[in-house]
Amino acid sequence: MDIKGKRFLVTGAGGFVGRHLTEKLISLGARVTALVRKNKASLKTNNNLTILEKDLLEINKEDTKGIDVVIHLAAITDLPDCQKNPKKAYEVNVLGTISLLENSKDVEKFVYVSSLAVYGNSLKLPSGEDDSPTPIETYAATKVAAEYFTSTHCNSINLPFCIARLFSVYGPGQKNGFVIPRIVSQAIAKDELDLKNTDTTRDFIYIGDVVDALINLSVRGNGIYNVGTGIETSIMEVISNVEKILNKKLAVKTSGEKKLGVSRSRSDPTKMVREIGWKYSINLQEGLKMTLDSYKNG
């Protein structure tokens, strides 16, 4: 997969996935324009990196001039924030995507990064790309809307596109608002975990695998793809793996607070394997160990 010299625009480049993706693209010889929110730039300087400090709705045609591939990650992703302020979520996640699409007519490929949330609490697992979206909260509704705008717009102007539905990404550098960094940071600091609940399941996928999937999708493939492992894992299984890695027993306290969003998730990654030749390579124990090591080393 040769992307040396290709010019990428990565929106949301200051976020967890965006930072890792930008760094990987540059290491492969690509030239990256990184869209970050004003005063939020945290990327290392590089000759092949251009920092663009703008809000998503401020993007114009000059910003996409000469760009080969757009990978669109920027969004309000916090579920409670979206639920409390649906108008803002709509403006950023939907109108921001439409604005970016309108200003990306001359690029070679548009990759929209979506979420497992679009499947909602599906009665059928694993979730496949042909399953009808059933969003159950505001964030998911904005992602479904943005998916439809992406596909209809790109099809109308014959612009190749991919929609990547990411499942539960984790790894070094993720904020503590997510369950794995919350477990890991507490497990290192003490022998007790304080969590909302342990009832949910997720298809956890390591950040390095997600980055590789997005880069592959930027080169080949067209349409919607699940990016996951196909393995459903409970929160208690995550805790058990952390205990084994740290060689310690962890007491678990839960508040019983119900988490907003889907209760169970598991991807069907068959399409990525068949059409793109991509499959995850880091299992949960390996990924958790690398994540734990990153916390220990600061």
C-alpha atoms as a PDB file:
ATOM      1  CA  MET A   1       0.000   0.000   0.000  1.00  0.00           C
ATOM      2  CA  ASP A   2       1.958   2.993  -1.297  1.00  0.00           C
ATOM      3  CA  ILE A   3       0.615   6.380  -0.208  1.00  0.00           C
ATOM      4  CA  LYS A   4       3.937   8.206  -0.278  1.00  0.00           C
ATOM      5  CA  GLY A   5       3.426  11.747  -1.585  1.00  0.00           C
ATOM      6  CA  LYS A   6      -0.381  11.549  -1.440  1.00  0.00           C
ATOM      7  CA  ARG A   7      -2.051  14.585   0.091  1.00  0.00           C
ATOM      8  CA  PHE A   8      -4.575  13.959   2.870  1.00  0.00           C
ATOM      9  CA  LEU A   9      -6.934  16.253   4.739  1.00  0.00           C
ATOM     10  CA  VAL A  10      -7.708  14.736   8.147  1.00  0.00           C
ATOM     11  CA  THR A  11     -10.480  16.477  10.073  1.00  0.00           C
ATOM     12  CA  GLY A  12     -10.591  15.978  13.822  1.00  0.00           C
ATOM     13  CA  ALA A  13      -6.836  15.422  13.722  1.00  0.00           C
ATOM     14  CA  GLY A  14      -6.472  16.586  17.325  1.00  0.00           C
ATOM     15  CA  GLY A  15      -8.675  13.757  18.627  1.00  0.00           C
ATOM     16  CA  PHE A  16      -7.694  10.259  19.707  1.00  0.00           C
ATOM     17  CA  VAL A  17      -8.106   8.488  16.360  1.00  0.00           C
ATOM     18  CA  GLY A  18      -7.106  11.584  14.375  1.00  0.00           C
ATOM     19  CA  ARG A  19      -3.732  11.969  16.113  1.00  0.00           C
ATOM     20  CA  HIS A  20      -2.781   8.336  15.605  1.00  0.00           C
ATOM     21  CA  LEU A  21      -3.959   8.418  11.986  1.00  0.00           C
ATOM     22  CA  THR A  22      -2.073  11.611  11.169  1.00  0.00           C
ATOM     23  CA  GLU A  23       1.164  10.309  12.677  1.00  0.00           C
ATOM     24  CA  LYS A  24       0.867   7.011  10.760  1.00  0.00           C
ATOM     25  CA  LEU A  25       0.145   8.739   7.448  1.00  0.00           C
ATOM     26  CA  ILE A  26       3.207  10.951   7.859  1.00  0.00           C
ATOM     27  CA  SER A  27       5.377   7.947   8.777  1.00  0.00           C
ATOM     28  CA  LEU A  28       4.307   6.361   5.464  1.00  0.00           C
ATOM     29  CA  GLY A  29       5.408   9.438   3.523  1.00  0.00           C
ATOM     30  CA  ALA A  30       2.032  11.093   2.993  1.00  0.00           C
ATOM     31  CA  ARG A  31       1.506  14.844   3.226  1.00  0.00           C
ATOM     32  CA  VAL A  32      -1.204  15.743   5.722  1.00  0.00           C
ATOM     33  CA  THR A  33      -3.269  18.836   6.320  1.00  0.00           C
ATOM     34  CA  ALA A  34      -4.609  18.374   9.850  1.00  0.00           C
ATOM     35  CA  LEU A  35      -7.811  20.193  10.731  1.00  0.00           C
ATOM     36  CA  VAL A  36      -7.928  20.879  14.461  1.00  0.00           C
ATOM     37  CA  ARG A  37     -10.137  23.110  16.572  1.00  0.00           C
ATOM     38  CA  LYS A  38      -8.665  26.496  17.396  1.00  0.00           C
ATOM     39  CA  ASN A  39      -6.071  26.358  20.177  1.00  0.00           C
ATOM     40  CA  LYS A  40      -6.347  22.545  20.276  1.00  0.00           C
ATOM     41  CA  ALA A  41      -3.308  21.616  18.172  1.00  0.00           C
ATOM     42  CA  SER A  42      -1.262  18.876  19.869  1.00  0.00           C
ATOM     43  CA  LEU A  43       0.504  17.252  16.927  1.00  0.00           C
ATOM     44  CA  LYS A  44       4.267  17.077  16.577  1.00  0.00           C
ATOM     45  CA  THR A  45       5.683  19.393  13.925  1.00  0.00           C
ATOM     46  CA  ASN A  46       6.775  17.737  10.689  1.00  0.00           C
ATOM     47  CA  ASN A  47       7.757  18.903   7.209  1.00  0.00           C
ATOM     48  CA  ASN A  48       4.889  16.861   5.756  1.00  0.00           C
ATOM     49  CA  LEU A  49       2.323  18.282   8.193  1.00  0.00           C
ATOM     50  CA  THR A  50       0.234  21.428   7.820  1.00  0.00           C
ATOM     51  CA  ILE A  51      -1.890  22.442  10.807  1.00  0.00           C
ATOM     52  CA  LEU A  52      -5.206  24.067   9.926  1.00  0.00           C
ATOM     53  CA  GLU A  53      -6.809  25.631  13.014  1.00  0.00           C
ATOM     54  CA  LYS A  54     -10.439  26.075  12.046  1.00  0.00           C
ATOM     55  CA  ASP A  55     -13.874  24.932  13.037  1.00  0.00           C
ATOM     56  CA  LEU A  56     -15.389  22.438  10.622  1.00  0.00           C
ATOM     57  CA  LEU A  57     -18.003  24.890   9.336  1.00  0.00           C
ATOM     58  CA  GLU A  58     -15.242  27.348   8.370  1.00  0.00           C
ATOM     59  CA  ILE A  59     -13.676  25.014   5.779  1.00  0.00           C
ATOM     60  CA  ASN A  60     -13.571  26.422   2.236  1.00  0.00           C
ATOM     61  CA  LYS A  61     -12.434  25.294  -1.204  1.00  0.00           C
ATOM     62  CA  GLU A  62      -8.951  26.715  -0.707  1.00  0.00           C
ATOM     63  CA  ASP A  63      -8.470  24.329   2.233  1.00  0.00           C
ATOM     64  CA  THR A  64      -9.172  21.297   0.024  1.00  0.00           C
ATOM     65  CA  LYS A  65      -7.289  22.549  -3.023  1.00  0.00           C
ATOM     66  CA  GLY A  66      -4.711  19.951  -4.071  1.00  0.00           C
ATOM     67  CA  ILE A  67      -5.986  17.371  -1.572  1.00  0.00           C
ATOM     68  CA  ASP A  68      -6.192  13.772  -2.825  1.00  0.00           C
ATOM     69  CA  VAL A  69      -8.096  12.151   0.051  1.00  0.00           C
ATOM     70  CA  VAL A  70     -10.320  13.564   2.789  1.00  0.00           C
ATOM     71  CA  ILE A  71     -10.708  11.466   5.958  1.00  0.00           C
ATOM     72  CA  HIS A  72     -13.466  13.068   7.977  1.00  0.00           C
ATOM     73  CA  LEU A  73     -13.347  12.330  11.720  1.00  0.00           C
ATOM     74  CA  ALA A  74     -14.365  15.678  13.222  1.00  0.00           C
ATOM     75  CA  ALA A  75     -17.566  15.509  15.274  1.00  0.00           C
ATOM     76  CA  ILE A  76     -19.057  16.050  18.684  1.00  0.00           C
ATOM     77  CA  THR A  77     -18.742  12.472  19.961  1.00  0.00           C
ATOM     78  CA  ASP A  78     -19.771  12.788  23.613  1.00  0.00           C
ATOM     79  CA  LEU A  79     -23.195  11.138  23.836  1.00  0.00           C
ATOM     80  CA  PRO A  80     -24.497  13.111  26.848  1.00  0.00           C
ATOM     81  CA  ASP A  81     -23.340  16.390  25.259  1.00  0.00           C
ATOM     82  CA  CYS A  82     -25.204  15.554  22.055  1.00  0.00           C
ATOM     83  CA  GLN A  83     -28.297  14.591  24.033  1.00  0.00           C
ATOM     84  CA  LYS A  84     -28.237  17.858  26.011  1.00  0.00           C
ATOM     85  CA  ASN A  85     -27.596  20.039  22.975  1.00  0.00           C
ATOM     86  CA  PRO A  86     -29.007  18.337  19.868  1.00  0.00           C
ATOM     87  CA  LYS A  87     -28.953  21.560  17.848  1.00  0.00           C
ATOM     88  CA  LYS A  88     -25.186  21.923  18.327  1.00  0.00           C
ATOM     89  CA  ALA A  89     -24.693  18.232  17.553  1.00  0.00           C
ATOM     90  CA  TYR A  90     -26.678  18.672  14.336  1.00  0.00           C
ATOM     91  CA  GLU A  91     -24.755  21.796  13.329  1.00  0.00           C
ATOM     92  CA  VAL A  92     -21.335  20.179  13.772  1.00  0.00           C
ATOM     93  CA  ASN A  93     -21.970  16.539  12.896  1.00  0.00           C
ATOM     94  CA  VAL A  94     -24.434  17.002  10.035  1.00  0.00           C
ATOM     95  CA  LEU A  95     -24.097  20.545   8.677  1.00  0.00           C
ATOM     96  CA  GLY A  96     -20.334  20.393   9.163  1.00  0.00           C
ATOM     97  CA  THR A  97     -20.204  17.214   7.065  1.00  0.00           C
ATOM     98  CA  ILE A  98     -22.375  18.774   4.343  1.00  0.00           C
ATOM     99  CA  SER A  99     -20.121  21.842   4.235  1.00  0.00           C
ATOM    100  CA  LEU A 100     -17.008  19.667   3.953  1.00  0.00           C
ATOM    101  CA  LEU A 101     -18.601  17.606   1.173  1.00  0.00           C
ATOM    102  CA  GLU A 102     -19.501  20.757  -0.775  1.00  0.00           C
ATOM    103  CA  ASN A 103     -15.904  21.942  -0.515  1.00  0.00           C
ATOM    104  CA  SER A 104     -14.373  18.567  -1.470  1.00  0.00           C
ATOM    105  CA  LYS A 105     -15.691  18.166  -5.014  1.00  0.00           C
ATOM    106  CA  ASP A 106     -12.225  18.025  -6.574  1.00  0.00           C
ATOM    107  CA  VAL A 107     -10.654  15.391  -4.309  1.00  0.00           C
ATOM    108  CA  GLU A 108     -10.079  11.788  -5.381  1.00  0.00           C
ATOM    109  CA  LYS A 109     -11.700  10.063  -2.387  1.00  0.00           C
ATOM    110  CA  PHE A 110     -13.869  10.968   0.597  1.00  0.00           C
ATOM    111  CA  VAL A 111     -13.777   8.762   3.702  1.00  0.00           C
ATOM    112  CA  TYR A 112     -16.466   9.426   6.304  1.00  0.00           C
ATOM    113  CA  VAL A 113     -15.823   7.941   9.738  1.00  0.00           C
ATOM    114  CA  SER A 114     -19.054   6.748  11.353  1.00  0.00           C
ATOM    115  CA  SER A 115     -19.853   4.640  14.392  1.00  0.00           C
ATOM    116  CA  LEU A 116     -21.288   1.396  15.721  1.00  0.00           C
ATOM    117  CA  ALA A 117     -23.931   3.649  17.321  1.00  0.00           C
ATOM    118  CA  VAL A 118     -25.902   3.731  14.073  1.00  0.00           C
ATOM    119  CA  TYR A 119     -26.983   0.107  14.645  1.00  0.00           C
ATOM    120  CA  GLY A 120     -28.646   0.895  17.986  1.00  0.00           C
ATOM    121  CA  ASN A 121     -29.824  -2.041  20.082  1.00  0.00           C
ATOM    122  CA  SER A 122     -30.114  -4.416  17.173  1.00  0.00           C
ATOM    123  CA  LEU A 123     -31.954  -7.650  17.858  1.00  0.00           C
ATOM    124  CA  LYS A 124     -29.524  -9.403  15.536  1.00  0.00           C
ATOM    125  CA  LEU A 125     -25.810  -9.701  16.257  1.00  0.00           C
ATOM    126  CA  PRO A 126     -23.348  -9.449  14.643  1.00  0.00           C
ATOM    127  CA  SER A 127     -24.324  -6.213  12.892  1.00  0.00           C
ATOM    128  CA  GLY A 128     -23.769  -6.140   9.148  1.00  0.00           C
ATOM    129  CA  GLU A 129     -23.499  -3.220   6.756  1.00  0.00           C
ATOM    130  CA  ASP A 130     -26.826  -4.108   5.122  1.00  0.00           C
ATOM    131  CA  ASP A 131     -28.714  -3.904   8.430  1.00  0.00           C
ATOM    132  CA  SER A 132     -31.031  -0.902   8.704  1.00  0.00           C
ATOM    133  CA  PRO A 133     -29.720   1.841  11.024  1.00  0.00           C
ATOM    134  CA  THR A 134     -31.771   2.132  14.234  1.00  0.00           C
ATOM    135  CA  PRO A 135     -30.270   5.034  16.218  1.00  0.00           C
ATOM    136  CA  ILE A 136     -31.449   5.335  19.818  1.00  0.00           C
ATOM    137  CA  GLU A 137     -29.824   8.653  20.836  1.00  0.00           C
ATOM    138  CA  THR A 138     -28.887  12.004  19.299  1.00  0.00           C
ATOM    139  CA  TYR A 139     -25.252  11.278  18.453  1.00  0.00           C
ATOM    140  CA  ALA A 140     -26.239   8.151  16.531  1.00  0.00           C
ATOM    141  CA  ALA A 141     -28.983  10.051  14.687  1.00  0.00           C
ATOM    142  CA  THR A 142     -26.451  12.665  13.515  1.00  0.00           C
ATOM    143  CA  LYS A 143     -24.075   9.947  12.301  1.00  0.00           C
ATOM    144  CA  VAL A 144     -26.852   8.243  10.312  1.00  0.00           C
ATOM    145  CA  ALA A 145     -27.845  11.571   8.751  1.00  0.00           C
ATOM    146  CA  ALA A 146     -24.234  12.371   7.854  1.00  0.00           C
ATOM    147  CA  GLU A 147     -23.827   8.914   6.313  1.00  0.00           C
ATOM    148  CA  TYR A 148     -26.823   9.501   4.044  1.00  0.00           C
ATOM    149  CA  PHE A 149     -25.605  12.953   3.020  1.00  0.00           C
ATOM    150  CA  THR A 150     -22.157  11.507   2.273  1.00  0.00           C
ATOM    151  CA  SER A 151     -23.453   8.670   0.103  1.00  0.00           C
ATOM    152  CA  THR A 152     -26.053  10.711  -1.799  1.00  0.00           C
ATOM    153  CA  HIS A 153     -23.715  13.647  -2.413  1.00  0.00           C
ATOM    154  CA  CYS A 154     -20.770  11.509  -3.502  1.00  0.00           C
ATOM    155  CA  ASN A 155     -22.937   9.356  -5.763  1.00  0.00           C
ATOM    156  CA  SER A 156     -24.472  12.447  -7.364  1.00  0.00           C
ATOM    157  CA  ILE A 157     -21.048  13.806  -8.422  1.00  0.00           C
ATOM    158  CA  ASN A 158     -19.356  10.418  -8.987  1.00  0.00           C
ATOM    159  CA  LEU A 159     -16.904  10.955  -6.131  1.00  0.00           C
ATOM    160  CA  PRO A 160     -15.500   7.666  -4.764  1.00  0.00           C
ATOM    161  CA  PHE A 161     -16.259   7.347  -1.063  1.00  0.00           C
ATOM    162  CA  CYS A 162     -16.139   5.013   1.910  1.00  0.00           C
ATOM    163  CA  ILE A 163     -18.060   5.045   5.159  1.00  0.00           C
ATOM    164  CA  ALA A 164     -16.150   3.400   8.015  1.00  0.00           C
ATOM    165  CA  ARG A 165     -18.329   2.334  10.941  1.00  0.00           C
ATOM    166  CA  LEU A 166     -15.839   2.095  13.787  1.00  0.00           C
ATOM    167  CA  PHE A 167     -16.617  -0.166  16.695  1.00  0.00           C
ATOM    168  CA  SER A 168     -15.162   0.452  20.192  1.00  0.00           C
ATOM    169  CA  VAL A 169     -11.680   1.857  19.602  1.00  0.00           C
ATOM    170  CA  TYR A 170      -9.174   1.887  22.476  1.00  0.00           C
ATOM    171  CA  GLY A 171      -5.469   2.340  23.030  1.00  0.00           C
ATOM    172  CA  PRO A 172      -2.774   4.719  24.308  1.00  0.00           C
ATOM    173  CA  GLY A 173      -3.774   8.361  24.610  1.00  0.00           C
ATOM    174  CA  GLN A 174      -7.538   7.868  24.869  1.00  0.00           C
ATOM    175  CA  LYS A 175      -9.428  10.101  27.319  1.00  0.00           C
ATOM    176  CA  ASN A 176     -10.702   8.662  30.590  1.00  0.00           C
ATOM    177  CA  GLY A 177     -14.317   9.248  29.571  1.00  0.00           C
ATOM    178  CA  PHE A 178     -14.141   5.897  27.759  1.00  0.00           C
ATOM    179  CA  VAL A 179     -14.413   2.614  29.626  1.00  0.00           C
ATOM    180  CA  ILE A 180     -11.024   1.008  28.912  1.00  0.00           C
ATOM    181  CA  PRO A 181      -8.875   4.032  29.860  1.00  0.00           C
ATOM    182  CA  ARG A 182     -11.076   4.492  32.932  1.00  0.00           C
ATOM    183  CA  ILE A 183     -10.449   0.874  33.966  1.00  0.00           C
ATOM    184  CA  VAL A 184      -6.745   0.986  33.124  1.00  0.00           C
ATOM    185  CA  SER A 185      -5.976   4.252  34.905  1.00  0.00           C
ATOM    186  CA  GLN A 186      -7.770   3.141  38.082  1.00  0.00           C
ATOM    187  CA  ALA A 187      -6.236  -0.343  38.001  1.00  0.00           C
ATOM    188  CA  ILE A 188      -2.725   1.097  37.908  1.00  0.00           C
ATOM    189  CA  ALA A 189      -3.403   3.566  40.723  1.00  0.00           C
ATOM    190  CA  LYS A 190      -5.329   1.341  43.161  1.00  0.00           C
ATOM    191  CA  ASP A 191      -6.959  -2.045  43.739  1.00  0.00           C
ATOM    192  CA  GLU A 192     -10.533  -0.885  43.280  1.00  0.00           C
ATOM    193  CA  LEU A 193     -12.544   0.176  40.230  1.00  0.00           C
ATOM    194  CA  ASP A 194     -15.394   2.689  40.375  1.00  0.00           C
ATOM    195  CA  LEU A 195     -17.606   2.227  37.309  1.00  0.00           C
ATOM    196  CA  LYS A 196     -21.143   3.124  36.278  1.00  0.00           C
ATOM    197  CA  ASN A 197     -22.036  -0.468  35.434  1.00  0.00           C
ATOM    198  CA  THR A 198     -20.566  -3.623  33.941  1.00  0.00           C
ATOM    199  CA  ASP A 199     -23.625  -4.770  32.003  1.00  0.00           C
ATOM    200  CA  THR A 200     -22.659  -3.674  28.487  1.00  0.00           C
ATOM    201  CA  THR A 201     -20.675  -5.549  25.863  1.00  0.00           C
ATOM    202  CA  ARG A 202     -18.521  -4.121  23.110  1.00  0.00           C
ATOM    203  CA  ASP A 203     -16.519  -5.127  20.056  1.00  0.00           C
ATOM    204  CA  PHE A 204     -13.195  -3.615  21.182  1.00  0.00           C
ATOM    205  CA  ILE A 205     -10.612  -2.845  18.506  1.00  0.00           C
ATOM    206  CA  TYR A 206      -7.095  -1.512  19.020  1.00  0.00           C
ATOM    207  CA  ILE A 207      -6.225   1.924  17.640  1.00  0.00           C
ATOM    208  CA  GLY A 208      -3.379   0.634  15.461  1.00  0.00           C
ATOM    209  CA  ASP A 209      -5.747  -1.707  13.643  1.00  0.00           C
ATOM    210  CA  VAL A 210      -8.282   1.091  13.153  1.00  0.00           C
ATOM    211  CA  VAL A 211      -5.644   3.369  11.645  1.00  0.00           C
ATOM    212  CA  ASP A 212      -4.544   0.621   9.250  1.00  0.00           C
ATOM    213  CA  ALA A 213      -8.178   0.028   8.259  1.00  0.00           C
ATOM    214  CA  LEU A 214      -8.784   3.718   7.514  1.00  0.00           C
ATOM    215  CA  ILE A 215      -5.641   3.983   5.415  1.00  0.00           C
ATOM    216  CA  ASN A 216      -6.639   0.857   3.467  1.00  0.00           C
ATOM    217  CA  LEU A 217     -10.097   2.314   2.882  1.00  0.00           C
ATOM    218  CA  SER A 218      -8.543   5.533   1.601  1.00  0.00           C
ATOM    219  CA  VAL A 219      -6.864   3.514  -1.147  1.00  0.00           C
ATOM    220  CA  ARG A 220      -9.411   0.870  -2.096  1.00  0.00           C
ATOM    221  CA  GLY A 221     -13.034   0.002  -1.572  1.00  0.00           C
ATOM    222  CA  ASN A 222     -16.276   1.898  -1.996  1.00  0.00           C
ATOM    223  CA  GLY A 223     -19.371   2.001   0.209  1.00  0.00           C
ATOM    224  CA  ILE A 224     -19.958   1.123   3.857  1.00  0.00           C
ATOM    225  CA  TYR A 225     -17.599  -1.018   5.957  1.00  0.00           C
ATOM    226  CA  ASN A 226     -17.586  -2.228   9.554  1.00  0.00           C
ATOM    227  CA  VAL A 227     -14.241  -1.768  11.292  1.00  0.00           C
ATOM    228  CA  GLY A 228     -14.226  -4.223  14.184  1.00  0.00           C
ATOM    229  CA  THR A 229     -12.981  -7.621  15.332  1.00  0.00           C
ATOM    230  CA  GLY A 230     -16.258  -9.538  15.254  1.00  0.00           C
ATOM    231  CA  ILE A 231     -15.752 -10.449  18.933  1.00  0.00           C
ATOM    232  CA  GLU A 232     -18.251  -9.430  21.625  1.00  0.00           C
ATOM    233  CA  THR A 233     -16.536  -8.745  24.956  1.00  0.00           C
ATOM    234  CA  SER A 234     -18.100  -7.927  28.329  1.00  0.00           C
ATOM    235  CA  ILE A 235     -16.710  -5.271  30.658  1.00  0.00           C
ATOM    236  CA  MET A 236     -15.976  -8.007  33.215  1.00  0.00           C
ATOM    237  CA  GLU A 237     -13.854  -9.818  30.608  1.00  0.00           C
ATOM    238  CA  VAL A 238     -11.849  -6.606  30.112  1.00  0.00           C
ATOM    239  CA  ILE A 239     -11.333  -6.345  33.871  1.00  0.00           C
ATOM    240  CA  SER A 240     -10.269  -9.999  34.061  1.00  0.00           C
ATOM    241  CA  ASN A 241      -7.654  -9.421  31.353  1.00  0.00           C
ATOM    242  CA  VAL A 242      -6.334  -6.332  33.158  1.00  0.00           C
ATOM    243  CA  GLU A 243      -6.057  -8.357  36.386  1.00  0.00           C
ATOM    244  CA  LYS A 244      -4.010 -11.028  34.599  1.00  0.00           C
ATOM    245  CA  ILE A 245      -1.663  -8.475  33.025  1.00  0.00           C
ATOM    246  CA  LEU A 246      -1.111  -6.613  36.315  1.00  0.00           C
ATOM    247  CA  ASN A 247      -1.173  -9.812  38.393  1.00  0.00           C
ATOM    248  CA  LYS A 248      -3.556  -8.300  40.933  1.00  0.00           C
ATOM    249  CA  LYS A 249      -7.182  -8.688  42.005  1.00  0.00           C
ATOM    250  CA  LEU A 250      -9.452  -5.698  41.473  1.00  0.00           C
ATOM    251  CA  ALA A 251     -12.565  -4.982  43.515  1.00  0.00           C
ATOM    252  CA  VAL A 252     -15.364  -3.563  41.354  1.00  0.00           C
ATOM    253  CA  LYS A 253     -17.867  -0.979  42.606  1.00  0.00           C
ATOM    254  CA  THR A 254     -20.711   0.137  40.344  1.00  0.00           C
ATOM    255  CA  SER A 255     -23.106   3.045  40.775  1.00  0.00           C
ATOM    256  CA  GLY A 256     -25.810   1.274  38.773  1.00  0.00           C
ATOM    257  CA  GLU A 257     -26.154   4.301  36.520  1.00  0.00           C
ATOM    258  CA  LYS A 258     -27.383   3.257  33.077  1.00  0.00           C
ATOM    259  CA  LYS A 259     -25.010   4.231  30.303  1.00  0.00           C
ATOM    260  CA  LEU A 260     -26.448   6.156  27.364  1.00  0.00           C
ATOM    261  CA  GLY A 261     -26.173   4.292  24.070  1.00  0.00           C
ATOM    262  CA  VAL A 262     -26.215   0.691  22.899  1.00  0.00           C
ATOM    263  CA  SER A 263     -26.122  -2.132  25.429  1.00  0.00           C
ATOM    264  CA  ARG A 264     -24.484  -4.772  23.224  1.00  0.00           C
ATOM    265  CA  SER A 265     -22.380  -4.595  20.074  1.00  0.00           C
ATOM    266  CA  ARG A 266     -20.545  -6.952  17.760  1.00  0.00           C
ATOM    267  CA  SER A 267     -19.493  -6.296  14.197  1.00  0.00           C
ATOM    268  CA  ASP A 268     -19.580  -8.516  11.180  1.00  0.00           C
ATOM    269  CA  PRO A 269     -16.202  -7.608   9.599  1.00  0.00           C
ATOM    270  CA  THR A 270     -16.561 -10.019   6.656  1.00  0.00           C
ATOM    271  CA  LYS A 271     -16.825  -7.257   4.038  1.00  0.00           C
ATOM    272  CA  MET A 272     -13.536  -5.658   5.107  1.00  0.00           C
ATOM    273  CA  VAL A 273     -11.780  -9.021   4.843  1.00  0.00           C
ATOM    274  CA  ARG A 274     -13.353  -9.931   1.497  1.00  0.00           C
ATOM    275  CA  GLU A 275     -13.122  -6.593  -0.340  1.00  0.00           C
ATOM    276  CA  ILE A 276     -10.235  -4.769   1.338  1.00  0.00           C
ATOM    277  CA  GLY A 277      -8.086  -7.649   2.533  1.00  0.00           C
ATOM    278  CA  TRP A 278      -7.988  -6.179   6.037  1.00  0.00           C
ATOM    279  CA  LYS A 279      -8.422  -7.978   9.358  1.00  0.00           C
ATOM    280  CA  TYR A 280      -7.563  -6.922  12.890  1.00  0.00           C
ATOM    281  CA  SER A 281      -4.151  -8.107  14.123  1.00  0.00           C
ATOM    282  CA  ILE A 282      -4.010  -7.070  17.797  1.00  0.00           C
ATOM    283  CA  ASN A 283      -6.078  -9.164  20.210  1.00  0.00           C
ATOM    284  CA  LEU A 284      -7.587  -7.686  23.365  1.00  0.00           C
ATOM    285  CA  GLN A 285      -4.896  -8.909  25.754  1.00  0.00           C
ATOM    286  CA  GLU A 286      -2.096  -7.529  23.556  1.00  0.00           C
ATOM    287  CA  GLY A 287      -3.899  -4.223  23.134  1.00  0.00           C
ATOM    288  CA  LEU A 288      -4.618  -3.896  26.838  1.00  0.00           C
ATOM    289  CA  LYS A 289      -0.975  -4.596  27.681  1.00  0.00           C
ATOM    290  CA  MET A 290       0.220  -1.862  25.298  1.00  0.00           C
ATOM    291  CA  THR A 291      -2.375   0.505  26.739  1.00  0.00           C
ATOM    292  CA  LEU A 292      -1.352  -0.308  30.311  1.00  0.00           C
ATOM    293  CA  ASP A 293       2.330   0.149  29.447  1.00  0.00           C
ATOM    294  CA  SER A 294       1.597   3.571  27.973  1.00  0.00           C
ATOM    295  CA  TYR A 295      -0.106   4.670  31.215  1.00  0.00           C
ATOM    296  CA  LYS A 296       2.755   3.324  33.349  1.00  0.00           C
ATOM    297  CA  ASN A 297       5.322   5.166  31.238  1.00  0.00           C
ATOM    298  CA  GLY A 298       3.416   8.426  31.440  1.00  0.00           C
END
